[in-house]
Amino acid sequence: MTANFNKIHQIIENSMKQNNIPGAALAIINDHQIILSKGYGKTNVEEWGSAVLPSTLFRIASVSKLFTGTVMMMLVEKGLIELDKRVQHYIPWFTTANQEFASMMTVRMLLTHTSGLPTGDDEIYHYEKDGLFRYMKEVVPTLPVLFYPGTAYSYGNHALNIAGFIAEQVTGKPFSAIMQELLFSPLQMNSTTYDPLKAMTFPLALPHESAEAGDKKISHQFFDQTASYPSYYSFSSVEDLCKFAMFHLQGGQVNGHSLLLKSSIEEMRKKQSDWFTLTDGGCGITFFQEKKDGIQRFWHYGQYSSQYSSQFILVPEKGIAVIALANGENIFQAGYEIVDELLKEEKINSQHAVPSIQLEDVPEWEAYRGSYLHKNLGIISIDLVDEKPLITIKNEPYELVQYSNEIFTANDVSGTPIHTVGFPSRPAEVPDPFLVVNTQMCPAFIDNYERNPLDWKEWEGVYSNGQEFFHVIIGDDSLVITEKPSNHAFAAKAIRKNQFLFENGFVRFININGTIVLEFDNAWRYKKID
């Protein structure tokens, strides 16, 4: 493989320009050798901002999950954890809003995003040493479970936070201390940390927020969320992440010594939840995976608000890693482009060969006829017209085209797939059908609510998480939700008394310990304050 460094630099610089990113860092490993480690831009937009270095720290957001998954496998090897043990084996008092489903969850489900728990978290427990414990006691019991545990994929932060608490329970140590002892110190990731006070002693890319005329200014509030350390709150550099990448590429070896067995590395890469995509995408133990041009990739990306973004991609069969960090949005897209650039000479025929379809491989369509709820696309319906299966998404009907036994596509007029639709095998104990549309699990939904604005009176008011504010009022036939201070407003149509759909999402109103809470996508919560 020959790296076109000019093209690679251009990809990063274009991303920084398009996304108004103050600073970024990039590292590339090829054939198990670091061939590039470089900083771009400045740590902040002020005159005193310094040049970004390979050692500059960024918040790496959800790339942190890979640290947690790796250490959980170390604890498995030590005999302290079994992947298929129930969570309640390690935390007897563990529960969620659905106690029955909580009792079914296993450690493996937490680490492969198949527990049914939503994404999101609560912006509380800042700087509190017992934040993870309090979160487990006060927040987790209020969480919904979106589907029967173990049956489908649904990405989320809560599952990894719970896994981190299990690590605390079996070791008797704080989560950050476990990570330092088992991972950061052995790999000599000397600046990687969860502690913002320690991060401030190293070169540090600062967070920013929008100013007037689209400019950036430093955000002078640096949050610490101890409850979310296991899911997305670590700081690291491309310099340190190269050591982590090399450790994974070399099958768990560090300086000739095994820190993690090769079989554990393989377990992390094994697909354990399916996205039902044309690239054979899915999730292992915290690693996402897919095949592109016949080559397997493993990765995780991160986005922390609009302040930080990250990308960590491994191509083990080529000894390749691409790591990109930024104090701005969407640097992960540049990471994908760089891997494509590195592998362009390795491409094989990437046309998707449609498997031979036998009549018995066709789903029993009558069992799937009906409506389903997608958290971004809204209500989706499956029907049969002239014995042909149709899916309707955002009021647009598409004929379903079979790709494999369980995967169909909804295509545009040119025949290009624009939606993937999975029809997973349904366990006998799961009573209702479900779909997987564009990787998202969609439960069956009966639309029988008679809309009445009088039902929504108690939802009017002001909601906040301490950082963001939303005003809710009743419109003509919907709720109008306005984000402050931007004054961006959107209408939300009722599908239940307390559940509403807007153009690209889902909101509901719930009562938690006597307080009404506005919740976006079963995840992000804002308490009613007025």
Protein backbone atom coordinates (compact mmCIF):
# COMPACT_ATOMS: atom_id res chain seq x y z
CA MET A 1 0.00 0.00 0.00
CA THR A 2 1.30 3.43 -0.98
CA ALA A 3 -0.03 6.31 1.10
CA ASN A 4 -0.80 9.55 -0.68
CA PHE A 5 -0.01 11.90 2.18
CA ASN A 6 -1.01 15.00 0.26
CA LYS A 7 -4.48 13.53 -0.31
CA ILE A 8 -4.72 12.49 3.36
CA HIS A 9 -3.77 15.96 4.61
CA GLN A 10 -6.33 17.43 2.22
CA ILE A 11 -9.08 15.18 3.63
CA ILE A 12 -8.40 16.42 7.18
CA GLU A 13 -8.08 20.05 6.13
CA ASN A 14 -11.32 19.89 4.14
CA SER A 15 -13.14 18.40 7.13
CA MET A 16 -11.81 21.13 9.40
CA LYS A 17 -12.95 23.82 6.97
CA GLN A 18 -16.39 22.33 6.35
CA ASN A 19 -17.09 21.77 10.05
CA ASN A 20 -15.34 24.88 11.37
CA ILE A 21 -12.98 22.78 13.51
CA PRO A 22 -10.24 24.70 15.38
CA GLY A 23 -7.86 21.75 15.81
CA ALA A 24 -7.44 18.10 14.86
CA ALA A 25 -4.93 15.28 15.10
CA LEU A 26 -4.40 12.22 12.91
CA ALA A 27 -2.39 9.03 13.23
CA ILE A 28 -2.06 6.21 10.71
CA ILE A 29 -0.60 2.75 11.22
CA ASN A 30 0.17 0.57 8.19
CA ASP A 31 1.61 -2.93 8.33
CA HIS A 32 1.94 -2.45 12.09
CA GLN A 33 4.11 0.63 11.69
CA ILE A 34 3.19 4.24 12.47
CA ILE A 35 3.53 6.10 9.16
CA LEU A 36 1.88 9.37 10.18
CA SER A 37 1.24 11.16 13.48
CA LYS A 38 0.38 14.81 13.07
CA GLY A 39 -1.55 17.74 14.47
CA TYR A 40 -3.54 20.33 12.50
CA GLY A 41 -4.74 23.75 13.54
CA LYS A 42 -4.75 25.07 17.11
CA THR A 43 -5.95 23.95 20.51
CA ASN A 44 -8.33 26.93 20.60
CA VAL A 45 -9.33 29.95 18.51
CA GLU A 46 -7.73 32.57 20.76
CA GLU A 47 -4.36 34.16 19.99
CA TRP A 48 -2.80 32.22 22.86
CA GLY A 49 -3.94 28.88 21.41
CA SER A 50 -1.02 26.57 20.62
CA ALA A 51 -0.43 24.26 17.67
CA VAL A 52 -2.05 20.82 17.98
CA LEU A 53 0.52 18.05 18.51
CA PRO A 54 0.22 14.24 18.38
CA SER A 55 0.34 14.40 22.18
CA THR A 56 -2.53 16.92 22.44
CA LEU A 57 -5.48 15.57 24.44
CA PHE A 58 -9.05 15.60 23.15
CA ARG A 59 -12.22 14.22 24.63
CA ILE A 60 -12.66 11.07 22.59
CA ALA A 61 -16.38 10.60 23.38
CA SER A 62 -17.72 7.11 22.55
CA VAL A 63 -14.36 5.74 21.43
CA SER A 64 -14.06 5.39 25.23
CA LYS A 65 -16.35 2.36 24.92
CA LEU A 66 -13.49 0.40 23.34
CA PHE A 67 -11.44 0.89 26.52
CA THR A 68 -14.32 -0.44 28.60
CA GLY A 69 -14.92 -3.44 26.34
CA THR A 70 -11.21 -4.32 26.38
CA VAL A 71 -10.94 -4.20 30.16
CA MET A 72 -14.16 -6.19 30.59
CA MET A 73 -12.52 -8.96 28.54
CA MET A 74 -9.48 -8.77 30.83
CA LEU A 75 -11.79 -9.30 33.80
CA VAL A 76 -13.35 -12.26 31.97
CA GLU A 77 -9.89 -13.79 31.60
CA LYS A 78 -9.26 -13.24 35.31
CA GLY A 79 -12.39 -15.21 36.12
CA LEU A 80 -14.13 -12.23 37.71
CA ILE A 81 -16.82 -11.89 35.03
CA GLU A 82 -18.70 -14.28 32.75
CA LEU A 83 -20.20 -12.72 29.64
CA ASP A 84 -23.40 -14.75 29.77
CA LYS A 85 -24.11 -14.26 33.48
CA ARG A 86 -27.11 -12.10 34.30
CA VAL A 87 -26.38 -8.54 35.37
CA GLN A 88 -28.27 -9.28 38.61
CA HIS A 89 -25.67 -11.94 39.44
CA TYR A 90 -23.19 -9.08 39.95
CA ILE A 91 -25.68 -6.39 41.05
CA PRO A 92 -28.56 -8.18 42.85
CA TRP A 93 -30.55 -4.93 43.20
CA PHE A 94 -30.20 -3.97 39.52
CA THR A 95 -33.47 -3.03 37.84
CA THR A 96 -34.98 -0.80 35.15
CA ALA A 97 -38.47 0.53 34.49
CA ASN A 98 -39.24 -2.99 33.22
CA GLN A 99 -38.22 -5.31 36.04
CA GLU A 100 -38.87 -8.49 34.06
CA PHE A 101 -36.62 -7.41 31.20
CA ALA A 102 -33.95 -6.20 33.65
CA SER A 103 -33.77 -9.71 35.11
CA MET A 104 -32.96 -11.13 31.65
CA MET A 105 -30.04 -8.86 30.78
CA THR A 106 -26.54 -10.34 30.62
CA VAL A 107 -23.09 -8.79 30.55
CA ARG A 108 -22.75 -9.78 26.89
CA MET A 109 -25.95 -7.90 26.03
CA LEU A 110 -24.57 -4.75 27.65
CA LEU A 111 -21.33 -4.94 25.65
CA THR A 112 -22.97 -5.76 22.29
CA HIS A 113 -25.83 -3.21 22.52
CA THR A 114 -28.52 -5.91 22.61
CA SER A 115 -29.90 -5.27 26.11
CA GLY A 116 -32.78 -3.14 24.83
CA LEU A 117 -31.62 -0.13 26.84
CA PRO A 118 -31.74 3.27 25.12
CA THR A 119 -28.89 5.65 24.44
CA GLY A 120 -28.46 8.91 26.35
CA ASP A 121 -27.69 9.72 29.95
CA ASP A 122 -28.48 12.42 32.50
CA GLU A 123 -26.21 15.44 32.86
CA ILE A 124 -25.86 15.02 36.61
CA TYR A 125 -23.27 13.85 39.13
CA HIS A 126 -20.63 16.26 37.83
CA TYR A 127 -17.33 15.86 39.69
CA GLU A 128 -18.88 13.39 42.18
CA LYS A 129 -16.72 10.40 43.11
CA ASP A 130 -19.80 8.27 43.78
CA GLY A 131 -21.53 9.46 40.60
CA LEU A 132 -21.66 6.01 38.98
CA PHE A 133 -23.16 4.45 42.12
CA ARG A 134 -25.78 7.19 42.44
CA TYR A 135 -26.60 6.88 38.75
CA MET A 136 -27.16 3.14 39.19
CA LYS A 137 -29.48 3.79 42.13
CA GLU A 138 -31.34 6.86 40.88
CA VAL A 139 -31.33 6.87 37.07
CA VAL A 140 -31.08 3.29 35.84
CA PRO A 141 -34.29 2.14 37.63
CA THR A 142 -36.22 4.73 35.57
CA LEU A 143 -34.88 3.65 32.16
CA PRO A 144 -37.25 2.11 29.61
CA VAL A 145 -36.32 -1.14 27.89
CA LEU A 146 -37.13 -0.82 24.21
CA PHE A 147 -37.44 -4.51 23.32
CA TYR A 148 -37.04 -8.06 24.57
CA PRO A 149 -33.38 -8.28 25.69
CA GLY A 150 -31.04 -10.15 23.38
CA THR A 151 -33.19 -9.99 20.25
CA ALA A 152 -31.86 -6.93 18.40
CA TYR A 153 -29.31 -4.14 18.31
CA SER A 154 -29.90 -0.71 19.84
CA TYR A 155 -26.89 1.50 20.50
CA GLY A 156 -26.63 3.21 23.87
CA ASN A 157 -24.50 4.71 26.61
CA HIS A 158 -26.40 3.31 29.57
CA ALA A 159 -25.41 -0.30 28.86
CA LEU A 160 -21.68 0.53 28.96
CA ASN A 161 -22.08 2.57 32.14
CA ILE A 162 -23.73 -0.43 33.79
CA ALA A 163 -20.91 -2.66 32.55
CA GLY A 164 -18.41 -0.25 34.12
CA PHE A 165 -20.26 -0.50 37.43
CA ILE A 166 -20.05 -4.30 37.25
CA ALA A 167 -16.27 -3.90 36.86
CA GLU A 168 -16.28 -1.83 40.06
CA GLN A 169 -18.32 -4.46 41.89
CA VAL A 170 -16.07 -7.41 41.01
CA THR A 171 -12.78 -5.59 41.67
CA GLY A 172 -13.77 -3.37 44.59
CA LYS A 173 -12.04 -0.43 42.85
CA PRO A 174 -13.23 2.80 41.18
CA PHE A 175 -13.70 2.50 37.43
CA SER A 176 -10.96 4.99 36.54
CA ALA A 177 -8.49 3.14 38.80
CA ILE A 178 -9.31 -0.17 37.09
CA MET A 179 -8.66 1.34 33.69
CA GLN A 180 -5.37 2.86 34.82
CA GLU A 181 -4.15 -0.40 36.36
CA LEU A 182 -5.22 -2.85 33.65
CA LEU A 183 -4.95 -0.79 30.47
CA PHE A 184 -3.41 2.66 30.53
CA SER A 185 -0.32 1.84 32.63
CA PRO A 186 0.60 -1.44 30.88
CA LEU A 187 0.25 0.22 27.47
CA GLN A 188 2.10 3.34 28.69
CA MET A 189 -0.83 5.52 27.66
CA ASN A 190 0.61 8.07 30.02
CA SER A 191 -1.67 11.02 29.33
CA THR A 192 -4.98 9.17 28.83
CA THR A 193 -7.32 9.93 31.70
CA TYR A 194 -10.90 10.54 32.80
CA ASP A 195 -9.92 13.36 35.14
CA PRO A 196 -10.19 16.86 33.61
CA LEU A 197 -7.84 18.23 36.28
CA LYS A 198 -5.15 15.80 35.14
CA ALA A 199 -5.96 16.49 31.47
CA MET A 200 -5.28 20.19 32.09
CA THR A 201 -1.64 19.36 32.88
CA PHE A 202 -1.06 18.15 29.28
CA PRO A 203 -1.50 19.89 25.93
CA LEU A 204 -5.29 20.06 25.72
CA ALA A 205 -7.66 20.97 22.89
CA LEU A 206 -10.39 23.09 24.43
CA PRO A 207 -14.13 22.84 23.75
CA HIS A 208 -15.87 25.52 21.72
CA GLU A 209 -19.37 26.80 21.10
CA SER A 210 -20.96 28.88 18.36
CA ALA A 211 -20.49 32.63 18.41
CA GLU A 212 -21.98 35.29 16.16
CA ALA A 213 -21.78 34.94 12.38
CA GLY A 214 -20.95 31.24 12.66
CA ASP A 215 -17.62 31.82 14.38
CA LYS A 216 -16.32 29.75 17.29
CA LYS A 217 -15.53 30.82 20.83
CA ILE A 218 -14.13 28.89 23.76
CA SER A 219 -16.74 27.21 25.94
CA HIS A 220 -15.71 28.17 29.47
CA GLN A 221 -17.57 25.31 31.14
CA PHE A 222 -15.69 22.00 31.15
CA PHE A 223 -18.11 19.30 32.33
CA ASP A 224 -17.14 16.14 34.13
CA GLN A 225 -19.68 13.31 34.24
CA THR A 226 -18.37 10.55 36.48
CA ALA A 227 -21.38 8.32 35.82
CA SER A 228 -20.49 8.24 32.11
CA TYR A 229 -16.78 7.48 32.34
CA PRO A 230 -17.36 3.94 30.96
CA SER A 231 -19.27 5.14 27.90
CA TYR A 232 -17.86 8.42 26.61
CA TYR A 233 -15.87 10.64 28.97
CA SER A 234 -12.17 9.82 28.54
CA PHE A 235 -9.41 12.10 27.27
CA SER A 236 -6.71 10.74 24.99
CA SER A 237 -4.31 11.66 22.18
CA VAL A 238 -3.48 10.07 18.84
CA GLU A 239 -0.09 9.30 20.36
CA ASP A 240 -1.64 7.19 23.13
CA LEU A 241 -4.33 5.72 20.90
CA CYS A 242 -1.63 4.40 18.56
CA LYS A 243 -0.45 2.24 21.46
CA PHE A 244 -4.00 1.00 22.02
CA ALA A 245 -4.41 0.31 18.29
CA MET A 246 -1.10 -1.56 18.06
CA PHE A 247 -2.12 -3.67 21.07
CA HIS A 248 -5.31 -4.73 19.24
CA LEU A 249 -3.61 -5.24 15.87
CA GLN A 250 -0.99 -7.47 17.51
CA GLY A 251 -3.59 -9.75 19.09
CA GLY A 252 -3.31 -8.47 22.66
CA GLN A 253 0.49 -8.41 22.76
CA VAL A 254 2.51 -5.62 24.42
CA ASN A 255 6.30 -5.73 24.04
CA GLY A 256 6.18 -9.47 23.46
CA HIS A 257 3.93 -10.16 26.46
CA SER A 258 0.28 -11.12 26.30
CA LEU A 259 -1.96 -8.60 28.03
CA LEU A 260 -5.10 -10.12 26.48
CA LEU A 261 -5.47 -13.50 24.82
CA LYS A 262 -5.88 -13.63 21.07
CA SER A 263 -9.13 -15.53 21.62
CA SER A 264 -10.47 -12.56 23.61
CA ILE A 265 -9.51 -10.18 20.81
CA GLU A 266 -11.34 -12.47 18.39
CA GLU A 267 -14.39 -12.50 20.67
CA MET A 268 -14.44 -8.71 20.59
CA ARG A 269 -14.41 -8.78 16.77
CA LYS A 270 -16.99 -11.55 16.34
CA LYS A 271 -20.32 -10.20 15.12
CA GLN A 272 -22.78 -10.66 17.97
CA SER A 273 -25.58 -8.33 16.90
CA ASP A 274 -26.69 -7.80 13.32
CA TRP A 275 -27.47 -4.49 11.59
CA PHE A 276 -29.03 -6.24 8.55
CA THR A 277 -27.08 -4.10 6.10
CA LEU A 278 -25.60 -4.87 2.68
CA THR A 279 -22.09 -4.55 4.14
CA ASP A 280 -22.67 -7.36 6.66
CA GLY A 281 -22.53 -4.74 9.42
CA GLY A 282 -22.99 -5.42 13.09
CA CYS A 283 -21.47 -5.15 16.53
CA GLY A 284 -19.07 -7.29 18.51
CA ILE A 285 -17.86 -6.57 22.04
CA THR A 286 -18.01 -2.74 21.71
CA PHE A 287 -16.46 -2.81 18.20
CA PHE A 288 -18.64 -1.99 15.19
CA GLN A 289 -17.80 -3.95 12.06
CA GLU A 290 -18.57 -4.22 8.37
CA LYS A 291 -17.06 -5.40 5.10
CA LYS A 292 -16.28 -2.92 2.37
CA ASP A 293 -14.72 -4.02 -0.90
CA GLY A 294 -14.31 -7.45 0.67
CA ILE A 295 -12.14 -6.21 3.55
CA GLN A 296 -13.27 -6.37 7.17
CA ARG A 297 -13.12 -3.16 9.23
CA PHE A 298 -13.63 -2.69 12.96
CA TRP A 299 -14.26 0.72 14.42
CA HIS A 300 -15.94 3.09 16.80
CA TYR A 301 -16.57 6.78 16.40
CA GLY A 302 -17.48 9.44 18.93
CA GLN A 303 -19.32 12.74 19.05
CA TYR A 304 -19.47 14.86 22.23
CA SER A 305 -22.12 17.48 21.55
CA SER A 306 -20.64 19.84 18.94
CA GLN A 307 -17.43 20.17 20.95
CA TYR A 308 -15.43 17.03 20.12
CA SER A 309 -15.47 14.16 17.64
CA SER A 310 -13.31 11.09 17.14
CA GLN A 311 -12.72 8.08 14.93
CA PHE A 312 -10.83 4.83 15.61
CA ILE A 313 -10.70 2.29 12.75
CA LEU A 314 -8.81 -1.02 12.55
CA VAL A 315 -8.20 -3.15 9.45
CA PRO A 316 -6.42 -6.10 11.07
CA GLU A 317 -5.73 -8.11 7.89
CA LYS A 318 -3.69 -5.16 6.58
CA GLY A 319 -2.20 -4.06 9.90
CA ILE A 320 -3.92 -0.70 9.44
CA ALA A 321 -5.30 1.75 11.98
CA VAL A 322 -6.66 5.25 11.40
CA ILE A 323 -7.22 7.53 14.39
CA ALA A 324 -8.66 11.02 14.04
CA LEU A 325 -9.55 13.46 16.84
CA ALA A 326 -10.94 17.00 16.76
CA ASN A 327 -12.38 19.73 18.98
CA GLY A 328 -15.33 20.09 16.62
CA GLU A 329 -17.90 18.00 14.77
CA ASN A 330 -17.78 15.13 12.27
CA ILE A 331 -14.07 14.32 12.06
CA PHE A 332 -15.14 10.66 11.91
CA GLN A 333 -16.25 11.17 8.30
CA ALA A 334 -12.68 12.11 7.42
CA GLY A 335 -11.55 8.90 9.12
CA TYR A 336 -13.74 6.81 6.81
CA GLU A 337 -12.40 8.67 3.76
CA ILE A 338 -8.80 8.11 4.81
CA VAL A 339 -9.31 4.36 5.20
CA ASP A 340 -10.88 4.30 1.74
CA GLU A 341 -7.87 6.18 0.39
CA LEU A 342 -5.45 3.74 2.03
CA LEU A 343 -7.28 0.70 0.67
CA LYS A 344 -8.09 1.94 -2.83
CA GLU A 345 -5.39 -0.28 -4.33
CA GLU A 346 -6.73 -3.29 -2.43
CA LYS A 347 -10.26 -3.15 -3.78
CA ILE A 348 -11.85 -6.28 -5.14
CA ASN A 349 -15.19 -6.55 -6.91
CA SER A 350 -17.51 -4.78 -4.49
CA GLN A 351 -20.76 -5.54 -6.31
CA HIS A 352 -23.18 -7.19 -3.93
CA ALA A 353 -23.97 -10.62 -5.30
CA VAL A 354 -27.65 -11.24 -4.66
CA PRO A 355 -28.07 -14.72 -3.17
CA SER A 356 -30.30 -17.23 -4.88
CA ILE A 357 -33.71 -16.87 -3.25
CA GLN A 358 -35.80 -19.95 -2.64
CA LEU A 359 -39.54 -19.66 -2.09
CA GLU A 360 -39.24 -21.00 1.45
CA ASP A 361 -36.79 -18.20 2.28
CA VAL A 362 -39.45 -15.49 1.85
CA PRO A 363 -40.84 -14.14 5.15
CA GLU A 364 -44.43 -14.96 6.10
CA TRP A 365 -45.73 -11.56 5.09
CA GLU A 366 -49.08 -11.88 6.83
CA ALA A 367 -47.23 -12.10 10.13
CA TYR A 368 -45.45 -8.79 9.39
CA ARG A 369 -48.40 -6.78 8.02
CA GLY A 370 -49.01 -3.73 10.18
CA SER A 371 -47.30 -0.67 11.61
CA TYR A 372 -43.93 -0.28 13.32
CA LEU A 373 -42.29 2.61 15.16
CA HIS A 374 -38.86 3.91 14.11
CA LYS A 375 -37.42 6.55 16.44
CA ASN A 376 -36.24 8.74 13.54
CA LEU A 377 -38.47 7.79 10.61
CA GLY A 378 -41.72 7.64 12.58
CA ILE A 379 -44.46 5.13 11.82
CA ILE A 380 -43.53 2.57 9.14
CA SER A 381 -46.01 0.13 7.63
CA ILE A 382 -45.71 -3.24 5.89
CA ASP A 383 -48.46 -4.34 3.49
CA LEU A 384 -49.11 -6.67 0.57
CA VAL A 385 -50.35 -5.19 -2.70
CA ASP A 386 -50.95 -7.59 -5.60
CA GLU A 387 -49.07 -10.17 -3.52
CA LYS A 388 -45.98 -7.92 -3.46
CA PRO A 389 -44.58 -6.72 -0.13
CA LEU A 390 -44.51 -2.94 0.28
CA ILE A 391 -43.00 -0.79 3.00
CA THR A 392 -44.20 2.78 3.54
CA ILE A 393 -41.69 5.20 5.07
CA LYS A 394 -42.62 8.87 5.60
CA ASN A 395 -45.73 8.32 3.46
CA GLU A 396 -43.62 7.03 0.54
CA PRO A 397 -44.35 3.42 -0.56
CA TYR A 398 -41.49 1.18 -1.73
CA GLU A 399 -41.54 -2.34 -3.05
CA LEU A 400 -39.28 -4.53 -0.97
CA VAL A 401 -36.43 -6.13 -2.94
CA GLN A 402 -34.93 -9.25 -1.43
CA TYR A 403 -31.17 -9.30 -0.93
CA SER A 404 -30.77 -12.30 1.38
CA ASN A 405 -32.90 -14.52 3.58
CA GLU A 406 -33.46 -11.76 6.14
CA ILE A 407 -32.45 -8.55 4.36
CA PHE A 408 -34.54 -6.52 1.93
CA THR A 409 -34.02 -3.06 0.45
CA ALA A 410 -36.28 -0.14 -0.38
CA ASN A 411 -34.90 1.41 -3.55
CA ASP A 412 -35.25 4.77 -5.28
CA VAL A 413 -36.45 5.08 -8.89
CA SER A 414 -32.96 4.30 -10.18
CA GLY A 415 -32.85 1.05 -8.24
CA THR A 416 -30.36 2.34 -5.66
CA PRO A 417 -31.04 1.08 -2.10
CA ILE A 418 -31.96 3.95 0.22
CA HIS A 419 -33.25 1.87 3.16
CA THR A 420 -32.28 -1.57 4.42
CA VAL A 421 -34.96 -3.65 6.11
CA GLY A 422 -34.17 -6.68 8.24
CA PHE A 423 -36.67 -9.40 9.13
CA PRO A 424 -34.87 -11.19 11.98
CA SER A 425 -35.83 -14.64 13.18
CA ARG A 426 -38.17 -14.09 16.12
CA PRO A 427 -37.66 -16.25 19.23
CA ALA A 428 -40.77 -18.13 20.32
CA GLU A 429 -40.90 -16.21 23.61
CA VAL A 430 -41.17 -12.84 21.80
CA PRO A 431 -44.89 -12.31 21.15
CA ASP A 432 -44.86 -9.43 18.63
CA PRO A 433 -43.07 -9.02 15.30
CA PHE A 434 -40.38 -6.39 14.79
CA LEU A 435 -38.24 -5.02 11.98
CA VAL A 436 -34.72 -3.61 11.74
CA VAL A 437 -34.75 -0.55 9.46
CA ASN A 438 -31.47 1.24 8.74
CA THR A 439 -29.91 -0.66 11.70
CA GLN A 440 -32.66 0.51 14.12
CA MET A 441 -34.98 -1.96 15.84
CA CYS A 442 -38.66 -1.11 15.17
CA PRO A 443 -41.30 -2.67 17.44
CA ALA A 444 -44.85 -3.31 16.26
CA PHE A 445 -47.12 -0.31 16.85
CA ILE A 446 -50.91 0.04 16.94
CA ASP A 447 -52.00 3.57 16.00
CA ASN A 448 -55.27 3.83 17.94
CA TYR A 449 -54.91 7.13 19.83
CA GLU A 450 -57.66 9.71 19.27
CA ARG A 451 -55.77 13.01 19.37
CA ASN A 452 -57.12 15.52 21.89
CA PRO A 453 -55.13 18.68 22.73
CA LEU A 454 -56.77 18.75 26.18
CA ASP A 455 -54.75 15.62 26.99
CA TRP A 456 -51.51 17.60 26.55
CA LYS A 457 -52.18 20.51 28.89
CA GLU A 458 -49.84 19.25 31.60
CA TRP A 459 -46.94 19.03 29.14
CA GLU A 460 -46.86 22.81 28.53
CA GLY A 461 -43.97 24.58 30.22
CA VAL A 462 -40.20 25.05 30.26
CA TYR A 463 -37.78 22.12 30.43
CA SER A 464 -34.03 22.09 31.04
CA ASN A 465 -31.06 19.87 31.90
CA GLY A 466 -29.13 22.87 33.24
CA GLN A 467 -27.50 23.59 29.87
CA GLU A 468 -30.26 23.48 27.26
CA PHE A 469 -33.83 24.79 27.48
CA PHE A 470 -37.05 23.88 25.66
CA HIS A 471 -40.41 25.68 25.72
CA VAL A 472 -43.47 23.51 25.07
CA ILE A 473 -46.88 24.92 24.04
CA ILE A 474 -49.99 23.46 22.40
CA GLY A 475 -50.47 24.35 18.74
CA ASP A 476 -53.52 23.76 16.56
CA ASP A 477 -53.23 19.98 16.38
CA SER A 478 -49.76 19.30 17.79
CA LEU A 479 -47.26 20.35 20.41
CA VAL A 480 -44.81 23.07 19.44
CA ILE A 481 -41.38 22.58 21.03
CA THR A 482 -38.96 25.51 20.85
CA GLU A 483 -35.27 25.25 21.66
CA LYS A 484 -33.84 28.27 23.49
CA PRO A 485 -32.05 30.57 22.88
CA SER A 486 -31.87 29.58 19.17
CA ASN A 487 -35.68 29.76 18.86
CA HIS A 488 -35.63 26.72 16.60
CA ALA A 489 -39.19 25.38 16.78
CA PHE A 490 -40.72 22.14 15.55
CA ALA A 491 -44.18 20.58 15.65
CA ALA A 492 -44.67 17.20 17.32
CA LYS A 493 -47.67 15.04 16.38
CA ALA A 494 -49.27 12.90 19.10
CA ILE A 495 -49.28 9.11 18.72
CA ARG A 496 -50.15 8.54 22.40
CA LYS A 497 -51.25 10.95 25.11
CA ASN A 498 -47.61 11.36 26.18
CA GLN A 499 -45.76 10.33 22.99
CA PHE A 500 -45.13 12.52 19.96
CA LEU A 501 -43.32 12.33 16.63
CA PHE A 502 -41.51 15.21 14.96
CA GLU A 503 -39.74 15.32 11.61
CA ASN A 504 -36.63 13.37 12.62
CA GLY A 505 -37.36 12.02 16.06
CA PHE A 506 -39.55 10.95 18.93
CA VAL A 507 -40.39 12.62 22.24
CA ARG A 508 -42.37 11.54 25.25
CA PHE A 509 -43.33 13.00 28.61
CA ILE A 510 -42.86 10.91 31.74
CA ASN A 511 -43.24 11.40 35.47
CA ILE A 512 -40.13 10.54 37.49
CA ASN A 513 -40.52 10.85 41.25
CA GLY A 514 -43.18 13.54 40.88
CA THR A 515 -41.32 15.59 38.24
CA ILE A 516 -42.50 15.78 34.63
CA VAL A 517 -39.63 15.06 32.24
CA LEU A 518 -39.34 15.72 28.51
CA GLU A 519 -37.42 12.84 26.90
CA PHE A 520 -36.07 12.79 23.34
CA ASP A 521 -35.61 9.42 21.58
CA ASN A 522 -36.12 7.50 24.85
CA ALA A 523 -32.80 8.96 25.92
CA TRP A 524 -32.07 12.65 26.51
CA ARG A 525 -33.98 14.06 29.47
CA TYR A 526 -35.02 17.58 30.48
CA LYS A 527 -36.87 18.31 33.73
CA LYS A 528 -39.85 20.63 33.84
CA ILE A 529 -38.79 23.80 35.67
CA ASP A 530 -41.72 26.12 34.97
